[in-house]
Amino acid sequence: MLALVLLLFISRSLSAAGYPAPEPGDFVIRDFHFQSGEVLPELTIHYRTLGKPRLDAQGVVRNAVLILHGTTGNGSNFLRPEFAGELFGEGQLLDATRYFLILPDAIGHGQSSKPSDGLRARFPRYGYRDMIEAQHRLVTEGLKVNHLRLVMGTSMGGMHTWLWGETHPELMDALLPLASLPTQISGRNRVWRRLIMDAIRNDPQWLNGDYHAQPQGLQIAAEVLYFMGNNPVQRQQDAPTLAQADKLLDSNITNAMQHLDANNVLYALESSRDYDPGPGLEKIHAQLLAINFADDLINPPELGILEREITKVKQGKAIVLPMSDQTRGHGTHTLAAVWKTHLAELLRKTEQ
């Protein structure tokens, strides 16, 4: 009864938000083979869809949009006013009455198969290539979508977007990676990830993944994730005194710890080890617009990587949006109001 009441509440809330309620589903892949050689008898990929697919006279789906989330997140992260409220409503850029929106939970995240489901540290070692394969099978086999109008993603989802363009170059019209770089994880980006992984794995309470309570190293993970997600100016404005800074940090960490699991976080961070789209960028055929942010601590523009690598994409363009009172560092990727005019231009250019 409680579940029914909650479902009705969510449905009414989303209707009030101006777009249809998402329809959840699970796609089960039998005997999924990972790049590591490991096999999972049943891999479940959870997803949400909004809208309905529309086929042209040749039976090709023309309105499907795949939206991919970031590390430790899930597809429901996009059902927020700052994202869905800016994009999914009637007359908006990704109007859910016109488009078929697909929001999957990646392997190891959300309600998809993950270590905390029971296997813990015996869960197969997955990488980004495995995640792309599972997403592709969901789209083509589970949802019977044979063409994507747009693939877009934030942070890890942005990295996945680059890989989608390389791995399935003929499948989509357009690509929009947000807050990501088309190069292997290195430099400071590797350092903060190692900090998290080492904090968890070296914690005596971790017990090789068979902990009885979340190890203390998970709090360090939550603190590092919080630290990397915004810009210094906004942090100073939000917490101009020591007491306010501690209060803000404590509040955010307390909230994060309610949703995180040490093994899930460890696996999620380690999964980026096989990410290296650089050698395959010339395989991308679709128009690609990469959007990064000048105040992003994870993908700082001074590295010059985006500007260098985008030249290898035949129909590629890169934009680094300047810091402003609207940006929030890395987290700007979910603030659609900041960058949606560029999405509009990409959709216009790739209309058929």
Protein backbone atom coordinates (compact mmCIF):
# COMPACT_ATOMS: atom_id res chain seq x y z
CA MET A 1 0.00 0.00 0.00
CA LEU A 2 2.82 2.38 0.96
CA ALA A 3 4.59 1.65 -2.35
CA LEU A 4 1.39 2.46 -4.28
CA VAL A 5 0.92 5.74 -2.42
CA LEU A 6 4.57 6.66 -3.08
CA LEU A 7 4.22 5.82 -6.78
CA LEU A 8 1.10 8.00 -7.05
CA PHE A 9 2.90 10.84 -5.26
CA ILE A 10 5.87 10.64 -7.61
CA SER A 11 3.58 10.46 -10.64
CA ARG A 12 1.63 13.54 -9.56
CA SER A 13 4.81 15.42 -8.71
CA LEU A 14 6.30 14.72 -12.11
CA SER A 15 3.06 15.61 -13.87
CA ALA A 16 3.11 18.91 -12.01
CA ALA A 17 6.70 19.34 -13.19
CA GLY A 18 5.46 19.35 -16.76
CA TYR A 19 6.66 16.02 -18.12
CA PRO A 20 5.36 12.42 -17.97
CA ALA A 21 6.24 10.15 -15.08
CA PRO A 22 9.13 7.78 -15.89
CA GLU A 23 8.41 4.12 -16.49
CA PRO A 24 10.92 1.90 -14.65
CA GLY A 25 12.09 -1.45 -15.92
CA ASP A 26 14.74 -4.14 -15.59
CA PHE A 27 16.60 -5.79 -18.45
CA VAL A 28 18.26 -9.09 -17.54
CA ILE A 29 21.23 -10.30 -19.56
CA ARG A 30 22.02 -13.99 -19.18
CA ASP A 31 25.65 -15.11 -18.86
CA PHE A 32 27.15 -11.67 -19.29
CA HIS A 33 30.84 -11.94 -20.21
CA PHE A 34 33.08 -9.21 -18.78
CA GLN A 35 36.30 -8.00 -20.37
CA SER A 36 38.11 -9.59 -17.41
CA GLY A 37 36.94 -13.03 -18.52
CA GLU A 38 34.52 -13.33 -15.61
CA VAL A 39 30.90 -14.28 -16.24
CA LEU A 40 27.79 -13.25 -14.31
CA PRO A 41 24.87 -15.68 -14.79
CA GLU A 42 22.39 -12.80 -14.59
CA LEU A 43 23.23 -9.13 -15.02
CA THR A 44 20.33 -6.76 -14.34
CA ILE A 45 20.32 -3.30 -15.88
CA HIS A 46 17.69 -1.05 -14.33
CA TYR A 47 16.37 1.83 -16.38
CA ARG A 48 13.69 4.50 -16.67
CA THR A 49 12.06 5.69 -19.84
CA LEU A 50 9.96 8.74 -20.59
CA GLY A 51 7.90 9.06 -23.75
CA LYS A 52 7.46 6.56 -26.55
CA PRO A 53 9.68 5.55 -29.48
CA ARG A 54 8.62 6.75 -32.91
CA LEU A 55 9.57 4.93 -36.10
CA ASP A 56 9.92 6.32 -39.59
CA ALA A 57 8.62 4.62 -42.74
CA GLN A 58 11.70 2.37 -42.81
CA GLY A 59 11.18 1.20 -39.22
CA VAL A 60 14.04 3.29 -37.79
CA VAL A 61 13.54 4.85 -34.36
CA ARG A 62 14.12 8.59 -34.78
CA ASN A 63 13.43 10.10 -31.37
CA ALA A 64 15.43 8.06 -28.83
CA VAL A 65 17.80 9.89 -26.46
CA LEU A 66 20.19 8.01 -24.18
CA ILE A 67 21.23 9.95 -21.05
CA LEU A 68 24.11 8.56 -18.95
CA HIS A 69 24.89 9.41 -15.32
CA GLY A 70 28.09 9.96 -13.35
CA THR A 71 30.19 7.91 -10.94
CA THR A 72 28.22 6.66 -7.87
CA GLY A 73 25.05 8.16 -9.37
CA ASN A 74 22.08 6.64 -11.19
CA GLY A 75 19.52 7.53 -13.83
CA SER A 76 17.12 9.10 -11.34
CA ASN A 77 19.65 11.90 -10.79
CA PHE A 78 18.31 13.51 -13.96
CA LEU A 79 14.77 13.70 -12.59
CA ARG A 80 15.52 16.97 -10.84
CA PRO A 81 14.21 20.47 -11.52
CA GLU A 82 17.65 21.69 -12.60
CA PHE A 83 17.84 19.01 -15.32
CA ALA A 84 14.49 17.45 -16.20
CA GLY A 85 12.69 20.67 -15.30
CA GLU A 86 14.79 22.51 -17.87
CA LEU A 87 14.73 19.88 -20.63
CA PHE A 88 11.91 17.31 -20.42
CA GLY A 89 8.80 19.52 -20.24
CA GLU A 90 6.38 20.29 -23.05
CA GLY A 91 8.02 22.54 -25.61
CA GLN A 92 11.48 22.12 -24.07
CA LEU A 93 14.53 20.75 -25.90
CA LEU A 94 14.03 17.10 -24.90
CA ASP A 95 10.24 17.27 -24.58
CA ALA A 96 9.24 13.84 -23.27
CA THR A 97 6.04 13.94 -25.33
CA ARG A 98 8.21 14.09 -28.48
CA TYR A 99 11.31 12.15 -27.49
CA PHE A 100 11.87 8.66 -26.09
CA LEU A 101 14.23 9.30 -23.17
CA ILE A 102 16.28 6.40 -21.79
CA LEU A 103 17.90 6.76 -18.36
CA PRO A 104 19.78 3.58 -17.37
CA ASP A 105 21.60 2.76 -14.15
CA ALA A 106 25.10 1.64 -15.15
CA ILE A 107 26.61 -1.63 -13.94
CA GLY A 108 27.49 -1.24 -10.26
CA HIS A 109 25.14 1.70 -9.75
CA GLY A 110 21.58 2.39 -8.64
CA GLN A 111 19.27 -0.60 -8.99
CA SER A 112 21.44 -2.41 -11.53
CA SER A 113 23.61 -5.38 -10.50
CA LYS A 114 26.33 -4.27 -8.09
CA PRO A 115 28.68 -5.64 -5.43
CA SER A 116 26.39 -4.77 -2.51
CA ASP A 117 23.67 -7.06 -3.88
CA GLY A 118 25.49 -9.97 -2.20
CA LEU A 119 28.67 -10.87 -4.05
CA ARG A 120 30.58 -7.99 -2.47
CA ALA A 121 34.26 -8.16 -3.53
CA ARG A 122 33.52 -11.33 -5.49
CA PHE A 123 31.49 -9.31 -7.99
CA PRO A 124 33.16 -9.34 -11.43
CA ARG A 125 35.69 -6.56 -12.06
CA TYR A 126 33.85 -4.39 -14.54
CA GLY A 127 35.22 -1.55 -16.63
CA TYR A 128 33.78 1.18 -18.81
CA ARG A 129 33.79 -1.13 -21.84
CA ASP A 130 31.56 -3.57 -19.95
CA MET A 131 29.21 -0.76 -19.00
CA ILE A 132 28.93 0.36 -22.64
CA GLU A 133 28.23 -3.19 -23.77
CA ALA A 134 25.44 -3.61 -21.21
CA GLN A 135 23.92 -0.24 -22.14
CA HIS A 136 24.03 -1.14 -25.83
CA ARG A 137 22.28 -4.44 -25.22
CA LEU A 138 19.61 -2.70 -23.15
CA VAL A 139 18.98 -0.20 -25.94
CA THR A 140 19.02 -2.61 -28.89
CA GLU A 141 17.80 -5.89 -27.38
CA GLY A 142 15.77 -4.78 -24.38
CA LEU A 143 14.11 -1.64 -25.78
CA LYS A 144 14.36 -2.58 -29.49
CA VAL A 145 15.84 0.82 -30.38
CA ASN A 146 17.85 0.64 -33.61
CA HIS A 147 18.91 4.30 -33.75
CA LEU A 148 19.62 7.07 -31.26
CA ARG A 149 18.85 10.71 -31.95
CA LEU A 150 21.30 11.73 -29.23
CA VAL A 151 23.67 10.18 -26.72
CA MET A 152 24.61 12.47 -23.85
CA GLY A 153 26.10 12.06 -20.41
CA THR A 154 27.55 13.82 -17.39
CA SER A 155 30.99 13.14 -15.86
CA MET A 156 31.40 9.34 -16.13
CA GLY A 157 28.39 9.45 -18.43
CA GLY A 158 30.26 12.00 -20.51
CA MET A 159 33.19 9.61 -20.76
CA HIS A 160 30.79 6.87 -21.77
CA THR A 161 29.43 9.19 -24.47
CA TRP A 162 32.88 9.42 -26.09
CA LEU A 163 33.11 5.62 -26.03
CA TRP A 164 29.61 5.22 -27.49
CA GLY A 165 30.66 7.39 -30.44
CA GLU A 166 33.69 5.18 -31.07
CA THR A 167 32.15 1.79 -30.42
CA HIS A 168 28.87 2.29 -32.29
CA PRO A 169 29.65 5.17 -34.69
CA GLU A 170 26.68 4.61 -37.01
CA LEU A 171 24.05 4.32 -34.29
CA MET A 172 23.50 7.96 -33.36
CA ASP A 173 22.99 11.41 -34.93
CA ALA A 174 24.67 13.44 -32.19
CA LEU A 175 26.85 13.18 -29.08
CA LEU A 176 26.98 15.54 -26.09
CA PRO A 177 29.63 14.64 -23.48
CA LEU A 178 29.52 16.98 -20.48
CA ALA A 179 32.31 17.51 -17.90
CA SER A 180 34.72 14.93 -19.28
CA LEU A 181 37.96 14.54 -21.18
CA PRO A 182 38.69 12.10 -24.04
CA THR A 183 41.87 10.71 -22.50
CA GLN A 184 42.83 8.03 -20.01
CA ILE A 185 42.56 8.77 -16.30
CA SER A 186 45.85 10.38 -15.26
CA GLY A 187 47.40 13.26 -13.33
CA ARG A 188 45.30 14.73 -10.51
CA ASN A 189 42.24 12.90 -11.81
CA ARG A 190 44.00 9.64 -11.01
CA VAL A 191 45.31 10.93 -7.68
CA TRP A 192 41.93 11.71 -6.12
CA ARG A 193 40.55 8.39 -7.33
CA ARG A 194 43.51 6.57 -5.76
CA LEU A 195 42.94 8.48 -2.51
CA ILE A 196 39.44 7.04 -2.33
CA MET A 197 40.41 3.52 -3.34
CA ASP A 198 43.35 3.41 -0.93
CA ALA A 199 41.24 4.81 1.92
CA ILE A 200 38.73 1.99 1.52
CA ARG A 201 41.08 -0.88 0.72
CA ASN A 202 43.60 -0.03 3.47
CA ASP A 203 40.96 0.38 6.14
CA PRO A 204 41.19 -2.58 8.61
CA GLN A 205 37.39 -2.56 8.78
CA TRP A 206 37.07 -3.27 5.04
CA LEU A 207 37.97 -6.97 5.63
CA ASN A 208 38.56 -7.65 1.93
CA GLY A 209 35.04 -6.50 1.18
CA ASP A 210 33.29 -8.61 3.82
CA TYR A 211 32.78 -5.80 6.34
CA HIS A 212 29.95 -5.94 8.87
CA ALA A 213 29.52 -2.16 8.95
CA GLN A 214 30.66 0.45 6.45
CA PRO A 215 34.40 1.03 6.98
CA GLN A 216 35.58 4.47 8.07
CA GLY A 217 37.43 4.84 4.77
CA LEU A 218 34.06 5.38 3.12
CA GLN A 219 33.77 8.74 4.89
CA ILE A 220 37.05 9.83 3.33
CA ALA A 221 35.62 8.79 -0.02
CA ALA A 222 32.52 10.92 0.56
CA GLU A 223 34.66 13.89 1.61
CA VAL A 224 36.88 13.70 -1.48
CA LEU A 225 33.86 13.40 -3.78
CA TYR A 226 32.32 16.44 -2.10
CA PHE A 227 35.59 18.38 -2.38
CA MET A 228 35.97 17.75 -6.12
CA GLY A 229 32.38 18.55 -7.05
CA ASN A 230 32.19 22.34 -6.77
CA ASN A 231 34.35 25.44 -7.18
CA PRO A 232 36.24 27.34 -4.42
CA VAL A 233 34.33 30.60 -4.87
CA GLN A 234 30.94 28.97 -4.33
CA ARG A 235 32.26 27.00 -1.35
CA GLN A 236 33.52 30.25 0.22
CA GLN A 237 30.18 31.96 -0.36
CA ASP A 238 28.29 29.04 1.15
CA ALA A 239 30.62 28.75 4.14
CA PRO A 240 32.51 31.99 4.89
CA THR A 241 33.46 30.95 8.46
CA LEU A 242 35.11 27.87 9.98
CA ALA A 243 31.93 26.91 11.83
CA GLN A 244 29.80 27.23 8.71
CA ALA A 245 32.30 25.21 6.66
CA ASP A 246 32.26 22.38 9.19
CA LYS A 247 28.47 22.45 9.39
CA LEU A 248 28.09 22.35 5.60
CA LEU A 249 30.62 19.54 5.22
CA ASP A 250 29.11 17.50 8.06
CA SER A 251 25.62 17.85 6.61
CA ASN A 252 26.65 16.78 3.14
CA ILE A 253 28.76 13.85 4.34
CA THR A 254 25.99 12.61 6.64
CA ASN A 255 23.57 12.64 3.72
CA ALA A 256 26.04 10.95 1.36
CA MET A 257 26.87 8.19 3.84
CA GLN A 258 23.23 7.12 3.89
CA HIS A 259 23.42 6.15 0.22
CA LEU A 260 26.99 4.93 -0.32
CA ASP A 261 28.47 1.47 0.02
CA ALA A 262 32.23 0.95 0.23
CA ASN A 263 32.46 -1.91 -2.26
CA ASN A 264 30.19 -0.13 -4.74
CA VAL A 265 32.29 3.04 -4.51
CA LEU A 266 35.55 1.11 -4.81
CA TYR A 267 34.35 -0.75 -7.91
CA ALA A 268 32.91 2.40 -9.46
CA LEU A 269 36.19 4.27 -9.14
CA GLU A 270 38.26 1.31 -10.33
CA SER A 271 36.05 0.82 -13.39
CA SER A 272 37.67 3.84 -15.05
CA ARG A 273 40.95 1.94 -15.44
CA ASP A 274 40.15 0.90 -19.05
CA TYR A 275 38.98 4.34 -20.16
CA ASP A 276 41.12 5.66 -23.00
CA PRO A 277 39.13 6.93 -26.00
CA GLY A 278 42.04 8.92 -27.42
CA PRO A 279 43.32 6.33 -29.94
CA GLY A 280 39.81 5.82 -31.36
CA LEU A 281 38.51 9.37 -31.67
CA GLU A 282 38.80 9.31 -35.46
CA LYS A 283 36.18 6.54 -35.52
CA ILE A 284 33.47 8.94 -34.34
CA HIS A 285 31.17 9.86 -37.24
CA ALA A 286 28.31 11.67 -35.50
CA GLN A 287 28.45 15.37 -34.72
CA LEU A 288 29.93 15.74 -31.26
CA LEU A 289 29.77 18.75 -28.97
CA ALA A 290 31.88 18.50 -25.81
CA ILE A 291 31.04 20.96 -23.05
CA ASN A 292 33.35 21.52 -20.08
CA PHE A 293 33.50 24.22 -17.41
CA ALA A 294 36.37 26.52 -16.53
CA ASP A 295 35.91 25.96 -12.78
CA ASP A 296 35.84 22.15 -12.99
CA LEU A 297 38.53 20.76 -10.65
CA ILE A 298 38.32 17.30 -12.23
CA ASN A 299 38.74 18.50 -15.82
CA PRO A 300 40.64 21.81 -15.53
CA PRO A 301 40.89 23.67 -18.85
CA GLU A 302 44.54 24.62 -18.32
CA LEU A 303 45.49 21.04 -19.23
CA GLY A 304 44.60 21.77 -22.86
CA ILE A 305 43.57 18.15 -23.41
CA LEU A 306 40.09 18.85 -24.73
CA GLU A 307 41.29 21.42 -27.26
CA ARG A 308 44.01 19.05 -28.49
CA GLU A 309 41.94 15.89 -28.75
CA ILE A 310 38.80 17.39 -30.29
CA THR A 311 40.76 18.00 -33.51
CA LYS A 312 40.76 14.23 -34.03
CA VAL A 313 36.95 14.09 -34.18
CA LYS A 314 35.75 14.64 -37.76
CA GLN A 315 32.65 16.56 -36.73
CA GLY A 316 33.78 17.58 -33.27
CA LYS A 317 33.49 20.86 -31.43
CA ALA A 318 34.52 21.74 -27.87
CA ILE A 319 33.32 24.53 -25.61
CA VAL A 320 34.68 25.50 -22.19
CA LEU A 321 32.12 27.69 -20.46
CA PRO A 322 33.62 30.41 -18.24
CA MET A 323 33.12 30.48 -14.51
CA SER A 324 30.15 32.61 -13.46
CA ASP A 325 27.66 32.95 -10.65
CA GLN A 326 25.68 30.24 -12.46
CA THR A 327 28.41 27.58 -12.54
CA ARG A 328 29.19 25.11 -9.77
CA GLY A 329 32.44 23.52 -10.87
CA HIS A 330 32.18 19.92 -11.97
CA GLY A 331 28.57 19.78 -10.81
CA THR A 332 27.53 22.28 -13.49
CA HIS A 333 26.99 19.30 -15.76
CA THR A 334 23.54 18.80 -14.22
CA LEU A 335 22.56 22.49 -14.34
CA ALA A 336 20.98 22.43 -17.78
CA ALA A 337 20.13 26.14 -17.74
CA VAL A 338 23.85 26.91 -18.02
CA TRP A 339 24.48 24.93 -21.23
CA LYS A 340 21.16 24.09 -22.86
CA THR A 341 21.48 26.75 -25.58
CA HIS A 342 24.43 24.76 -26.92
CA LEU A 343 22.35 21.58 -26.85
CA ALA A 344 19.71 23.41 -28.85
CA GLU A 345 22.29 24.29 -31.49
CA LEU A 346 23.52 20.68 -31.69
CA LEU A 347 19.97 19.38 -32.15
CA ARG A 348 19.29 21.97 -34.82
CA LYS A 349 22.43 21.08 -36.75
CA THR A 350 21.66 17.37 -36.70
CA GLU A 351 17.99 17.53 -37.67
CA GLN A 352 17.02 15.21 -40.53
